[in-house]
Structures are given as C-alpha cells and as structure tokens.
C-alpha atoms as a PDB file:
ATOM      1  CA  MET A   1      -1.052   0.171  18.184  1.00  0.00           C
ATOM      2  CA  PHE A   2      -4.517  -0.608  16.470  1.00  0.00           C
ATOM      3  CA  ALA A   3      -7.889  -0.875  18.169  1.00  0.00           C
ATOM      4  CA  TRP A   4      -8.178  -4.162  16.728  1.00  0.00           C
ATOM      5  CA  GLY A   5     -11.714  -4.332  14.959  1.00  0.00           C
ATOM      6  CA  PHE A   6     -13.714  -5.516  11.744  1.00  0.00           C
ATOM      7  CA  ARG A   7     -16.135  -3.544   9.980  1.00  0.00           C
ATOM      8  CA  ILE A   8     -19.014  -5.593   8.153  1.00  0.00           C
ATOM      9  CA  GLY A   9     -20.005  -4.163   4.589  1.00  0.00           C
ATOM     10  CA  CYS A  10     -18.486  -3.707   1.389  1.00  0.00           C
ATOM     11  CA  LEU A  11     -15.267  -1.497   1.492  1.00  0.00           C
ATOM     12  CA  ALA A  12     -15.737   0.704  -1.229  1.00  0.00           C
ATOM     13  CA  GLY A  13     -14.246   3.656  -2.945  1.00  0.00           C
ATOM     14  CA  LEU A  14     -10.917   2.147  -1.829  1.00  0.00           C
ATOM     15  CA  LEU A  15      -7.511   2.602  -4.837  1.00  0.00           C
ATOM     16  CA  GLY A  16      -6.023  -1.053  -4.130  1.00  0.00           C
ATOM     17  CA  MET A  17      -2.590  -1.751  -5.075  1.00  0.00           C
ATOM     18  CA  ALA A  18      -1.296  -2.094  -9.154  1.00  0.00           C
ATOM     19  CA  GLY A  19       1.580  -5.024  -8.538  1.00  0.00           C
ATOM     20  CA  GLY A  20       3.325  -3.801  -5.706  1.00  0.00           C
ATOM     21  CA  PRO A  21       1.751  -3.491  -1.854  1.00  0.00           C
ATOM     22  CA  ALA A  22       1.015   0.426  -1.372  1.00  0.00           C
ATOM     23  CA  ALA A  23      -0.489   3.009   1.089  1.00  0.00           C
ATOM     24  CA  ALA A  24      -3.350   5.658   0.052  1.00  0.00           C
ATOM     25  CA  ASN A  25      -3.460   9.380   0.789  1.00  0.00           C
ATOM     26  CA  ASP A  26      -5.321  10.335   3.956  1.00  0.00           C
ATOM     27  CA  SER A  27      -8.997  11.088   2.836  1.00  0.00           C
ATOM     28  CA  GLN A  28     -12.334  12.007   4.386  1.00  0.00           C
ATOM     29  CA  ALA A  29     -14.142   8.786   4.975  1.00  0.00           C
ATOM     30  CA  ALA A  30     -18.511   7.661   5.770  1.00  0.00           C
ATOM     31  CA  PHE A  31     -19.401   4.406   6.710  1.00  0.00           C
ATOM     32  CA  GLY A  32     -22.923   3.940   4.970  1.00  0.00           C
ATOM     33  CA  LEU A  33     -24.722   0.980   4.063  1.00  0.00           C
ATOM     34  CA  GLY A  34     -22.114  -0.222   1.876  1.00  0.00           C
ATOM     35  CA  GLY A  35     -19.608   0.066   4.211  1.00  0.00           C
ATOM     36  CA  LEU A  36     -16.697   2.561   4.392  1.00  0.00           C
ATOM     37  CA  THR A  37     -16.425   4.559   1.247  1.00  0.00           C
ATOM     38  CA  LEU A  38     -14.222   7.445   0.802  1.00  0.00           C
ATOM     39  CA  VAL A  39     -16.207  10.537   0.547  1.00  0.00           C
ATOM     40  CA  ARG A  40     -15.053  14.247  -0.516  1.00  0.00           C
ATOM     41  CA  SER A  41     -14.750  17.457   1.869  1.00  0.00           C
ATOM     42  CA  ALA A  42     -16.089  20.509   1.488  1.00  0.00           C
ATOM     43  CA  ASP A  43     -14.668  22.294   3.938  1.00  0.00           C
ATOM     44  CA  ILE A  44     -11.297  20.711   4.855  1.00  0.00           C
ATOM     45  CA  ARG A  45      -8.443  21.535   2.572  1.00  0.00           C
ATOM     46  CA  MET A  46      -4.793  19.841   2.035  1.00  0.00           C
ATOM     47  CA  ASP A  47      -2.375  22.804   2.319  1.00  0.00           C
ATOM     48  CA  ILE A  48       0.353  20.965   2.835  1.00  0.00           C
ATOM     49  CA  GLU A  49       1.700  17.468   1.664  1.00  0.00           C
ATOM     50  CA  VAL A  50       5.323  16.209   2.762  1.00  0.00           C
ATOM     51  CA  LEU A  51       5.511  12.236   1.866  1.00  0.00           C
ATOM     52  CA  SER A  52       9.224  10.398   1.866  1.00  0.00           C
ATOM     53  CA  ILE A  53       9.735   6.822   0.352  1.00  0.00           C
ATOM     54  CA  SER A  54      12.145   4.633   1.300  1.00  0.00           C
ATOM     55  CA  GLU A  55      12.461   1.051   1.278  1.00  0.00           C
ATOM     56  CA  GLU A  56      12.356   1.092   5.058  1.00  0.00           C
ATOM     57  CA  ARG A  57      10.273   3.487   5.980  1.00  0.00           C
ATOM     58  CA  ILE A  58       7.421   5.971   4.293  1.00  0.00           C
ATOM     59  CA  THR A  59       6.578   9.050   6.211  1.00  0.00           C
ATOM     60  CA  VAL A  60       4.170  11.498   5.223  1.00  0.00           C
ATOM     61  CA  ASP A  61       3.755  14.682   6.470  1.00  0.00           C
ATOM     62  CA  TYR A  62       0.435  17.133   6.274  1.00  0.00           C
ATOM     63  CA  VAL A  63      -1.030  20.308   7.367  1.00  0.00           C
ATOM     64  CA  PHE A  64      -4.886  20.581   6.819  1.00  0.00           C
ATOM     65  CA  THR A  65      -7.268  23.807   7.098  1.00  0.00           C
ATOM     66  CA  ASN A  66     -10.804  23.897   7.903  1.00  0.00           C
ATOM     67  CA  ALA A  67     -11.754  26.688   5.581  1.00  0.00           C
ATOM     68  CA  SER A  68     -15.604  26.972   6.980  1.00  0.00           C
ATOM     69  CA  SER A  69     -16.493  28.329  10.047  1.00  0.00           C
ATOM     70  CA  ARG A  70     -17.710  25.301  12.394  1.00  0.00           C
ATOM     71  CA  ASP A  71     -15.963  22.314  13.647  1.00  0.00           C
ATOM     72  CA  VAL A  72     -15.731  19.380  11.385  1.00  0.00           C
ATOM     73  CA  ASP A  73     -15.945  15.587  13.267  1.00  0.00           C
ATOM     74  CA  THR A  74     -15.077  13.466  10.985  1.00  0.00           C
ATOM     75  CA  LEU A  75     -13.967   9.897  10.029  1.00  0.00           C
ATOM     76  CA  VAL A  76     -10.419  10.045   8.419  1.00  0.00           C
ATOM     77  CA  ALA A  77      -9.133   7.094   6.028  1.00  0.00           C
ATOM     78  CA  PHE A  78      -6.043   5.640   5.302  1.00  0.00           C
ATOM     79  CA  PRO A  79      -6.167   2.872   2.733  1.00  0.00           C
ATOM     80  CA  LEU A  80      -3.244   0.195   2.219  1.00  0.00           C
ATOM     81  CA  PRO A  81      -3.809  -1.762  -0.326  1.00  0.00           C
ATOM     82  CA  ASP A  82      -6.067  -4.457  -1.063  1.00  0.00           C
ATOM     83  CA  VAL A  83      -4.556  -7.893  -1.055  1.00  0.00           C
ATOM     84  CA  ASP A  84      -6.132 -10.866  -3.285  1.00  0.00           C
ATOM     85  CA  ASN A  85      -4.698 -13.733  -1.501  1.00  0.00           C
ATOM     86  CA  GLY A  86      -3.768 -17.314  -3.134  1.00  0.00           C
ATOM     87  CA  ILE A  87      -1.020 -20.047  -2.688  1.00  0.00           C
ATOM     88  CA  GLU A  88       1.511 -17.823  -4.316  1.00  0.00           C
ATOM     89  CA  VAL A  89       0.600 -14.292  -2.422  1.00  0.00           C
ATOM     90  CA  PHE A  90       2.431 -12.805  -0.323  1.00  0.00           C
ATOM     91  CA  THR A  91       0.024 -12.201   3.193  1.00  0.00           C
ATOM     92  CA  PRO A  92       0.863  -9.173   4.387  1.00  0.00           C
ATOM     93  CA  ASP A  93       0.067  -9.566   8.571  1.00  0.00           C
ATOM     94  CA  TYR A  94      -0.748  -5.225   8.856  1.00  0.00           C
ATOM     95  CA  VAL A  95      -1.211  -5.902  12.617  1.00  0.00           C
ATOM     96  CA  ASN A  96       2.138  -6.790  13.278  1.00  0.00           C
ATOM     97  CA  GLU A  97       4.275  -5.542  11.266  1.00  0.00           C
ATOM     98  CA  LEU A  98       2.935  -2.569   9.700  1.00  0.00           C
ATOM     99  CA  ASP A  99       4.217  -0.272  12.364  1.00  0.00           C
ATOM    100  CA  PHE A 100       1.305   2.423  11.426  1.00  0.00           C
ATOM    101  CA  ARG A 101       1.857   5.626  13.965  1.00  0.00           C
ATOM    102  CA  THR A 102      -0.255   8.884  13.101  1.00  0.00           C
ATOM    103  CA  VAL A 103       0.581  12.293  15.476  1.00  0.00           C
ATOM    104  CA  ILE A 104      -2.014  14.912  15.561  1.00  0.00           C
ATOM    105  CA  ASP A 105      -0.313  18.448  16.468  1.00  0.00           C
ATOM    106  CA  GLY A 106       2.025  16.782  18.129  1.00  0.00           C
ATOM    107  CA  GLN A 107      -0.147  14.089  20.009  1.00  0.00           C
ATOM    108  CA  PRO A 108       0.235  10.331  19.100  1.00  0.00           C
ATOM    109  CA  ALA A 109      -3.874   9.519  17.518  1.00  0.00           C
ATOM    110  CA  ALA A 110      -5.823   6.333  18.462  1.00  0.00           C
ATOM    111  CA  LEU A 111      -6.329   4.063  15.152  1.00  0.00           C
ATOM    112  CA  GLU A 112      -8.327   1.479  13.612  1.00  0.00           C
ATOM    113  CA  LEU A 113      -7.494  -1.085  11.586  1.00  0.00           C
ATOM    114  CA  VAL A 114     -10.626  -2.235   9.102  1.00  0.00           C
ATOM    115  CA  GLN A 115     -10.410  -5.286   7.098  1.00  0.00           C
ATOM    116  CA  ILE A 116     -13.134  -7.007   4.651  1.00  0.00           C
ATOM    117  CA  ALA A 117     -13.162  -9.879   2.489  1.00  0.00           C
ATOM    118  CA  ARG A 118     -14.465  -9.738  -0.209  1.00  0.00           C
ATOM    119  CA  PHE A 119     -15.294 -12.901  -3.166  1.00  0.00           C
ATOM    120  CA  GLY A 120     -16.710 -13.263  -6.582  1.00  0.00           C
ATOM    121  CA  GLY A 121     -18.421  -9.896  -5.647  1.00  0.00           C
ATOM    122  CA  ARG A 122     -19.356 -10.568  -2.280  1.00  0.00           C
ATOM    123  CA  ASP A 123     -19.013  -8.920   1.279  1.00  0.00           C
ATOM    124  CA  ILE A 124     -17.869 -12.325   3.117  1.00  0.00           C
ATOM    125  CA  THR A 125     -16.741 -11.092   6.172  1.00  0.00           C
ATOM    126  CA  ALA A 126     -19.589 -11.213   8.330  1.00  0.00           C
ATOM    127  CA  ARG A 127     -19.583 -15.083   7.311  1.00  0.00           C
ATOM    128  CA  LEU A 128     -16.089 -15.542   8.177  1.00  0.00           C
ATOM    129  CA  LEU A 129     -15.401 -13.793  11.621  1.00  0.00           C
ATOM    130  CA  SER A 130     -19.137 -15.855  12.361  1.00  0.00           C
ATOM    131  CA  LEU A 131     -16.600 -19.255  12.040  1.00  0.00           C
ATOM    132  CA  GLY A 132     -13.771 -17.532  13.319  1.00  0.00           C
ATOM    133  CA  VAL A 133     -11.824 -16.916  10.282  1.00  0.00           C
ATOM    134  CA  PRO A 134      -9.747 -13.685  10.196  1.00  0.00           C
ATOM    135  CA  PRO A 135     -10.388 -11.381   7.080  1.00  0.00           C
ATOM    136  CA  MET A 136      -6.717 -11.701   6.230  1.00  0.00           C
ATOM    137  CA  PRO A 137      -5.532 -15.233   6.003  1.00  0.00           C
ATOM    138  CA  VAL A 138      -2.278 -14.841   8.984  1.00  0.00           C
ATOM    139  CA  GLY A 139      -1.729 -15.316  12.310  1.00  0.00           C
ATOM    140  CA  THR A 140      -4.526 -17.817  13.485  1.00  0.00           C
ATOM    141  CA  PHE A 141      -5.845 -18.509  10.093  1.00  0.00           C
ATOM    142  CA  ASP A 142      -4.934 -21.982   9.384  1.00  0.00           C
ATOM    143  CA  ALA A 143      -5.799 -22.950  12.599  1.00  0.00           C
ATOM    144  CA  ALA A 144      -9.448 -21.627  12.399  1.00  0.00           C
ATOM    145  CA  ILE A 145      -9.433 -23.522   9.269  1.00  0.00           C
ATOM    146  CA  ASN A 146      -8.984 -26.445  10.860  1.00  0.00           C
ATOM    147  CA  ALA A 147     -11.031 -25.882  13.589  1.00  0.00           C
ATOM    148  CA  LEU A 148     -14.140 -25.910  11.403  1.00  0.00           C
ATOM    149  CA  ASP A 149     -16.426 -29.138  11.181  1.00  0.00           C
ATOM    150  CA  PRO A 150     -15.705 -31.123   7.632  1.00  0.00           C
ATOM    151  CA  ALA A 151     -18.847 -30.561   6.419  1.00  0.00           C
ATOM    152  CA  THR A 152     -17.989 -26.047   6.510  1.00  0.00           C
ATOM    153  CA  ARG A 153     -14.779 -26.975   5.532  1.00  0.00           C
ATOM    154  CA  GLN A 154     -16.013 -28.811   2.942  1.00  0.00           C
ATOM    155  CA  ALA A 155     -18.383 -26.620   1.791  1.00  0.00           C
ATOM    156  CA  MET A 156     -15.668 -23.592   1.559  1.00  0.00           C
ATOM    157  CA  ILE A 157     -13.353 -25.518  -0.639  1.00  0.00           C
ATOM    158  CA  ALA A 158     -16.427 -26.483  -2.717  1.00  0.00           C
ATOM    159  CA  GLU A 159     -16.947 -22.766  -3.399  1.00  0.00           C
ATOM    160  CA  GLY A 160     -12.921 -22.483  -4.105  1.00  0.00           C
ATOM    161  CA  LEU A 161     -12.862 -20.001  -0.905  1.00  0.00           C
ATOM    162  CA  ILE A 162      -9.903 -22.080   0.015  1.00  0.00           C
ATOM    163  CA  GLU A 163      -7.626 -24.660  -0.899  1.00  0.00           C
ATOM    164  CA  GLU A 164      -5.185 -27.384   1.079  1.00  0.00           C
ATOM    165  CA  TYR A 165      -1.603 -26.812  -0.557  1.00  0.00           C
ATOM    166  CA  GLY A 166       0.702 -28.656   2.440  1.00  0.00           C
ATOM    167  CA  SER A 167       1.487 -29.346   5.790  1.00  0.00           C
ATOM    168  CA  ASP A 168       3.121 -28.094   8.771  1.00  0.00           C
ATOM    169  CA  GLY A 169       3.473 -31.809   9.741  1.00  0.00           C
ATOM    170  CA  LYS A 170       0.542 -32.157  11.926  1.00  0.00           C
ATOM    171  CA  GLN A 171      -2.161 -30.118  10.281  1.00  0.00           C
ATOM    172  CA  PRO A 172      -2.648 -29.112   6.842  1.00  0.00           C
ATOM    173  CA  LEU A 173      -1.890 -25.501   5.884  1.00  0.00           C
ATOM    174  CA  TRP A 174      -4.995 -23.552   3.696  1.00  0.00           C
ATOM    175  CA  ALA A 175      -4.654 -20.568   1.318  1.00  0.00           C
ATOM    176  CA  ALA A 176      -7.489 -18.259   1.464  1.00  0.00           C
ATOM    177  CA  HIS A 177      -8.665 -17.437  -2.416  1.00  0.00           C
ATOM    178  CA  TRP A 178     -10.704 -13.883  -1.405  1.00  0.00           C
ATOM    179  CA  THR A 179     -10.109 -10.020  -1.714  1.00  0.00           C
ATOM    180  CA  THR A 180      -9.286  -8.061   1.502  1.00  0.00           C
ATOM    181  CA  ALA A 181      -9.367  -4.194   1.759  1.00  0.00           C
ATOM    182  CA  THR A 182      -7.992  -2.917   4.694  1.00  0.00           C
ATOM    183  CA  SER A 183      -7.891   0.944   6.018  1.00  0.00           C
ATOM    184  CA  VAL A 184      -6.659   2.706   9.181  1.00  0.00           C
ATOM    185  CA  THR A 185      -9.200   5.379  10.481  1.00  0.00           C
ATOM    186  CA  ARG A 186      -9.627   7.882  12.699  1.00  0.00           C
ATOM    187  CA  ARG A 187     -11.813   9.803  14.371  1.00  0.00           C
ATOM    188  CA  GLN A 188     -10.672  13.943  13.638  1.00  0.00           C
ATOM    189  CA  VAL A 189     -12.085  17.170  14.736  1.00  0.00           C
ATOM    190  CA  PHE A 190     -10.874  19.666  12.483  1.00  0.00           C
ATOM    191  CA  PRO A 191     -11.367  22.881  14.580  1.00  0.00           C
ATOM    192  CA  ALA A 192     -13.776  25.986  12.860  1.00  0.00           C
ATOM    193  CA  GLY A 193     -10.894  28.246  10.888  1.00  0.00           C
ATOM    194  CA  ARG A 194      -7.228  26.712  12.525  1.00  0.00           C
ATOM    195  CA  SER A 195      -4.325  24.173  10.685  1.00  0.00           C
ATOM    196  CA  VAL A 196      -3.966  20.933  11.811  1.00  0.00           C
ATOM    197  CA  SER A 197      -0.706  19.375  11.242  1.00  0.00           C
ATOM    198  CA  VAL A 198      -0.766  15.745  10.870  1.00  0.00           C
ATOM    199  CA  SER A 199       2.126  12.959  10.721  1.00  0.00           C
ATOM    200  CA  HIS A 200       1.974   9.007   9.327  1.00  0.00           C
ATOM    201  CA  SER A 201       4.697   6.516   8.744  1.00  0.00           C
ATOM    202  CA  TYR A 202       4.639   2.971   8.347  1.00  0.00           C
ATOM    203  CA  LYS A 203       6.788   0.030   7.495  1.00  0.00           C
ATOM    204  CA  PRO A 204       6.219  -0.335   4.105  1.00  0.00           C
ATOM    205  CA  PHE A 205       5.417  -4.190   2.586  1.00  0.00           C
ATOM    206  CA  THR A 206       7.481  -3.639  -0.513  1.00  0.00           C
ATOM    207  CA  GLY A 207       7.233  -6.319  -3.539  1.00  0.00           C
ATOM    208  CA  GLY A 208      10.579  -7.572  -5.249  1.00  0.00           C
ATOM    209  CA  SER A 209      11.781  -9.949  -7.383  1.00  0.00           C
ATOM    210  CA  VAL A 210      15.987 -11.405  -8.303  1.00  0.00           C
ATOM    211  CA  GLY A 211      16.798 -11.398 -12.099  1.00  0.00           C
ATOM    212  CA  GLY A 212      13.875 -11.682 -14.474  1.00  0.00           C
ATOM    213  CA  ARG A 213      12.245  -9.312 -16.867  1.00  0.00           C
ATOM    214  CA  LEU A 214      15.249  -6.214 -17.607  1.00  0.00           C
ATOM    215  CA  ASP A 215      17.396  -8.963 -18.803  1.00  0.00           C
ATOM    216  CA  PRO A 216      18.297  -8.654 -22.729  1.00  0.00           C
ATOM    217  CA  GLY A 217      16.405 -11.768 -23.214  1.00  0.00           C
ATOM    218  CA  ASN A 218      13.382 -10.488 -21.879  1.00  0.00           C
ATOM    219  CA  ARG A 219      12.432  -7.237 -23.262  1.00  0.00           C
ATOM    220  CA  LYS A 220       9.914  -8.696 -25.955  1.00  0.00           C
ATOM    221  CA  THR A 221       8.469  -9.821 -23.005  1.00  0.00           C
ATOM    222  CA  ARG A 222       4.264  -8.259 -22.031  1.00  0.00           C
ATOM    223  CA  GLU A 223       5.736  -8.315 -18.313  1.00  0.00           C
ATOM    224  CA  PHE A 224       8.680  -6.444 -19.074  1.00  0.00           C
ATOM    225  CA  ALA A 225       6.195  -3.683 -21.432  1.00  0.00           C
ATOM    226  CA  GLU A 226       4.512  -3.220 -18.144  1.00  0.00           C
ATOM    227  CA  ALA A 227       7.332  -2.794 -16.328  1.00  0.00           C
ATOM    228  CA  ARG A 228       8.516   0.345 -19.052  1.00  0.00           C
ATOM    229  CA  THR A 229       5.090   1.996 -19.063  1.00  0.00           C
ATOM    230  CA  LYS A 230       4.597   1.465 -14.821  1.00  0.00           C
ATOM    231  CA  TYR A 231       7.617   2.653 -13.558  1.00  0.00           C
ATOM    232  CA  CYS A 232       8.525   4.864 -16.812  1.00  0.00           C
ATOM    233  CA  ILE A 233      11.861   3.233 -17.811  1.00  0.00           C
ATOM    234  CA  ASP A 234      13.958   5.243 -20.315  1.00  0.00           C
ATOM    235  CA  ASP A 235      16.245   4.290 -22.749  1.00  0.00           C
ATOM    236  CA  ALA A 236      18.704   5.996 -19.994  1.00  0.00           C
ATOM    237  CA  PHE A 237      17.761   3.857 -17.459  1.00  0.00           C
ATOM    238  CA  ILE A 238      18.458   0.085 -19.766  1.00  0.00           C
ATOM    239  CA  GLN A 239      21.407   1.886 -20.655  1.00  0.00           C
ATOM    240  CA  GLY A 240      22.767   1.838 -16.924  1.00  0.00           C
ATOM    241  CA  PHE A 241      22.081  -1.410 -16.064  1.00  0.00           C
ATOM    242  CA  ASP A 242      23.062  -2.838 -18.713  1.00  0.00           C
ATOM    243  CA  ARG A 243      26.040  -1.819 -17.813  1.00  0.00           C
ATOM    244  CA  LYS A 244      26.109  -2.609 -14.449  1.00  0.00           C
ATOM    245  CA  ARG A 245      25.003  -5.896 -15.131  1.00  0.00           C
ATOM    246  CA  ALA A 246      27.863  -6.353 -17.761  1.00  0.00           C
ATOM    247  CA  ALA A 247      29.967  -6.007 -14.482  1.00  0.00           C
ATOM    248  CA  ALA A 248      27.690  -7.643 -12.373  1.00  0.00           C
ATOM    249  CA  ALA A 249      28.396 -10.729 -14.503  1.00  0.00           C
ATOM    250  CA  LYS A 250      32.329 -10.476 -13.919  1.00  0.00           C
ATOM    251  CA  THR A 251      32.194 -10.844 -10.188  1.00  0.00           C
ATOM    252  CA  GLY A 252      29.262 -13.270  -9.612  1.00  0.00           C
ATOM    253  CA  SER A 253      26.883 -11.054  -8.506  1.00  0.00           C
ATOM    254  CA  TYR A 254      23.364 -11.091  -9.253  1.00  0.00           C
ATOM    255  CA  HIS A 255      20.229  -7.845  -9.449  1.00  0.00           C
ATOM    256  CA  GLY A 256      17.384  -7.703  -7.570  1.00  0.00           C
ATOM    257  CA  GLU A 257      14.008  -5.833  -8.110  1.00  0.00           C
ATOM    258  CA  THR A 258      12.247  -3.891  -5.366  1.00  0.00           C
ATOM    259  CA  TRP A 259       8.850  -2.220  -5.903  1.00  0.00           C
ATOM    260  CA  ILE A 260       7.298   0.193  -3.462  1.00  0.00           C
ATOM    261  CA  SER A 261       3.767   1.902  -4.293  1.00  0.00           C
ATOM    262  CA  TYR A 262       1.994   4.630  -2.827  1.00  0.00           C
ATOM    263  CA  VAL A 263      -1.880   5.940  -3.899  1.00  0.00           C
ATOM    264  CA  LEU A 264      -2.093   9.271  -4.038  1.00  0.00           C
ATOM    265  CA  THR A 265      -5.212  10.077  -6.024  1.00  0.00           C
ATOM    266  CA  SER A 266      -7.211   9.859  -2.989  1.00  0.00           C
ATOM    267  CA  GLY A 267      -5.798  12.836  -1.977  1.00  0.00           C
ATOM    268  CA  ALA A 268      -7.807  14.767  -4.306  1.00  0.00           C
ATOM    269  CA  ASN A 269     -10.866  14.105  -1.916  1.00  0.00           C
ATOM    270  CA  TRP A 270      -9.941  17.277   0.137  1.00  0.00           C
ATOM    271  CA  LYS A 271     -11.364  20.937  -0.833  1.00  0.00           C
ATOM    272  CA  GLY A 272      -9.696  21.952  -3.757  1.00  0.00           C
ATOM    273  CA  PRO A 273      -5.425  20.816  -4.867  1.00  0.00           C
ATOM    274  CA  ILE A 274      -2.774  19.837  -2.762  1.00  0.00           C
ATOM    275  CA  GLY A 275      -1.193  23.779  -1.699  1.00  0.00           C
ATOM    276  CA  GLN A 276       2.395  22.732  -1.387  1.00  0.00           C
ATOM    277  CA  PHE A 277       3.607  18.938  -2.684  1.00  0.00           C
ATOM    278  CA  ARG A 278       6.460  17.331  -2.337  1.00  0.00           C
ATOM    279  CA  MET A 279       7.959  14.360  -2.628  1.00  0.00           C
ATOM    280  CA  ILE A 280      11.623  12.259  -1.674  1.00  0.00           C
ATOM    281  CA  VAL A 281      12.511   9.005  -2.886  1.00  0.00           C
ATOM    282  CA  ASP A 282      15.200   7.429  -1.353  1.00  0.00           C
ATOM    283  CA  LYS A 283      17.320   4.905  -3.325  1.00  0.00           C
ATOM    284  CA  GLY A 284      18.712   3.625  -0.679  1.00  0.00           C
ATOM    285  CA  HIS A 285      21.976   3.528  -1.961  1.00  0.00           C
ATOM    286  CA  PRO A 286      24.390   5.270  -4.257  1.00  0.00           C
ATOM    287  CA  ASP A 287      24.842   2.612  -6.840  1.00  0.00           C
ATOM    288  CA  ALA A 288      21.028   1.817  -6.817  1.00  0.00           C
ATOM    289  CA  LEU A 289      19.291   2.398 -10.110  1.00  0.00           C
ATOM    290  CA  VAL A 290      15.450   4.103  -9.440  1.00  0.00           C
ATOM    291  CA  SER A 291      12.717   4.361 -12.083  1.00  0.00           C
ATOM    292  CA  TYR A 292       9.102   6.522 -11.441  1.00  0.00           C
ATOM    293  CA  CYS A 293       6.859   8.495 -13.375  1.00  0.00           C
ATOM    294  CA  ALA A 294       7.058  11.926 -12.210  1.00  0.00           C
ATOM    295  CA  THR A 295       8.533  15.603 -13.889  1.00  0.00           C
ATOM    296  CA  GLY A 296      10.899  17.893 -12.365  1.00  0.00           C
ATOM    297  CA  VAL A 297      12.563  15.617 -10.848  1.00  0.00           C
ATOM    298  CA  ARG A 298      16.015  17.142  -9.166  1.00  0.00           C
ATOM    299  CA  LYS A 299      18.456  14.715  -6.999  1.00  0.00           C
ATOM    300  CA  THR A 300      19.131  16.392  -3.928  1.00  0.00           C
ATOM    301  CA  GLY A 301      21.896  14.281  -2.672  1.00  0.00           C
ATOM    302  CA  PRO A 302      24.069  10.530  -3.405  1.00  0.00           C
ATOM    303  CA  THR A 303      20.775   8.636  -2.989  1.00  0.00           C
ATOM    304  CA  ARG A 304      17.598  10.854  -2.983  1.00  0.00           C
ATOM    305  CA  PHE A 305      15.412  12.723  -5.559  1.00  0.00           C
ATOM    306  CA  GLU A 306      12.709  14.589  -5.453  1.00  0.00           C
ATOM    307  CA  VAL A 307       9.944  16.505  -6.581  1.00  0.00           C
ATOM    308  CA  ALA A 308       7.879  19.508  -5.816  1.00  0.00           C
ATOM    309  CA  TYR A 309       4.471  20.857  -7.357  1.00  0.00           C
ATOM    310  CA  GLN A 310       2.124  24.157  -6.416  1.00  0.00           C
ATOM    311  CA  ASN A 311      -1.810  23.481  -6.626  1.00  0.00           C
ATOM    312  CA  PHE A 312      -0.934  19.813  -6.776  1.00  0.00           C
ATOM    313  CA  VAL A 313      -4.250  17.675  -7.738  1.00  0.00           C
ATOM    314  CA  PRO A 314      -3.315  13.960  -7.891  1.00  0.00           C
ATOM    315  CA  ARG A 315      -4.182  12.210 -11.240  1.00  0.00           C
ATOM    316  CA  GLN A 316      -2.080   8.989 -10.645  1.00  0.00           C
ATOM    317  CA  ASP A 317      -0.117   7.137  -8.278  1.00  0.00           C
ATOM    318  CA  VAL A 318       3.533   6.653  -7.129  1.00  0.00           C
ATOM    319  CA  HIS A 319       4.818   3.177  -8.067  1.00  0.00           C
ATOM    320  CA  ILE A 320       8.980   3.177  -7.576  1.00  0.00           C
ATOM    321  CA  LEU A 321      10.976   0.064  -8.993  1.00  0.00           C
ATOM    322  CA  ILE A 322      14.693   0.162  -7.114  1.00  0.00           C
ATOM    323  CA  VAL A 323      17.470  -2.337  -8.946  1.00  0.00           C
ATOM    324  CA  LYS A 324      20.188  -3.266  -6.619  1.00  0.00           C
ATOM    325  CA  PHE A 325      23.357  -5.499  -7.484  1.00  0.00           C
ATOM    326  CA  HIS A 326      24.359  -8.090  -4.660  1.00  0.00           C
ATOM    327  CA  GLN A 327      27.493 -10.040  -4.431  1.00  0.00           C
ATOM    328  CA  ASP A 328      26.761 -14.203  -4.281  1.00  0.00           C
ATOM    329  CA  GLN A 329      27.885 -14.930  -1.231  1.00  0.00           C
END
C-alpha cells in the first residue's frame, strides 16, 4: 500500500488533532529546507468535496480543476494527526492498520507515508533513524531500544526521550516522549484546463472512553466544559443522554463515547473556496447519540446526518462525539 519512507526535516504547517484522532483534507505541499510544508495553490480549484465519516470508514471524494494553461506537477499531502507519544497514549500503527487507499480518475495511486519526530521543538528524525529507532513507537520500537548500547540508551532516558514502563517477561518495554507527525503524500499531475477526480478512503483511528464526563456529577468539571464546546453539545443532547442513561440503569447497561476528528482547514489551501461541499456523518446505530459543530444539519436516514454548502471556506475542523449504550455481559 505504502512506499515506506521517512523524510528528514521538520513537518511544518500540518494541523494536528485536538483530542481524538483525525485526518485532513488534501493540500498542495512542498519539501523545502524545513521539511514538508503545506502551500497555497494559485492554479488548482477544489470544485467538489464529499466527505463521509463513520466509525468504520472515512471516504473523501474530490473534483479538482486546473484553471491554468499549463500542466501542474505537484506533491499533494494528506496530513494525519500528530501523536504526542507517552505511556498512556494509544499509538496508531498507520503503516499496517490505516488501510489508506487513493484512486485518481479510477486508477490506484502510489502513496508514500512520511513520518517526522519532534522533541522540545527539535527535529530528531535523523537521529532516531541513525540508531535504528522508528519515529512512530510501534512494531520494532521496543526491540530497537533494547538493542541500543547501554550508554546511548541511558543518554536517551536522561534526555527524557524514552522511559521504561514494564516488561514482556523477557525484555523491557519502552515509551517514547516525542511527537510524531505523519502525512500520506503522492505526486500528481493536474492537466491544464481539465478536471480530475480523486477519492480517498481509510480506517479511522477513533478515540473513546467508557462512562465519565457526561454524567450529571461531572458537569461542573473543566473536561465537561471542554467537551461541550468542542462538540457543540446542546441541552437537547444532554436531555436525550439523561433519558437513555436512566433507562440503561434499569438494565445494567453502560455508555461509551467515541471521538472522531477530521481536519477540514487544510482544504482552504486551494485556489478559491470549495465550490460544493457535502459532509455525511453516520452515527452507526439508530439509538446512538451524536453531536458535532455544524449549521444546516439535516437528518437523511436513521443514522445519517448531512450538511451541504456552496463556495465553502473551511475555518474550523470537525470533531464528532458518538455515545452508545451497551448491555453489560
């Protein structure tokens, strides 16, 4: 699926997640002295974007038009969320689990996964790679740290880069404390005066919790206030939650939250606004509750909600909260 590669330098301009895992709109990009940077296109319009979001799959269908009289050969980047690694942080394995697919005018596109590690404002990617340590602490990460000579490993511990947190019974287990930025990139030619269809699909890395901040006893906490703002939780949602919670208490059910985020704002890097924008959110089950920030939302099915905008300039990212009640087994 991916041509596995690492670029050296700071991954600048990428918009990271706030809370749950995210992905982002396509954006024209360039490799400069500072690394991968999103740049504004003066020639390519995004005429159509149809974004479909569910817990199982995210799909994005675009139509781009090259408004110039020359072919444009450019690097296009689809940023994935920054991951602030740590002991209690879920670390996504983008290489093996993302299942990212891109089709351009019906043909599969060759993709490259670019990962950059930063610590204390510094790019440490080259240093990690020289030691055989992957920028994303998954897969061979623990084995790579255990294979280091003791002096190098101790220096990384002293610097705060890594921390031992347990054992698998044979070798120590390690946590990384740097931030990993990831982007899926491709080379693409936009023919002069023509439109091109691009489709992405991938498995989202959703965040979540069981119980917690939505319960009545937690509604004066900072966490609840932040959630209410982030997901535009209104009184009707709270009332619906309380009704379902009361019914669940009689059957021994419990509730769980799922968080999905998507970075829309990088879609503002093309020529002009997005001509036609449509977003479909599927909450997965008719009894589930869903909340997110948007205007003009229409319910178009038992689990589907849609918005449609003309000449759309994205100014904020999408953060979706889904609440489901589960029967205790």
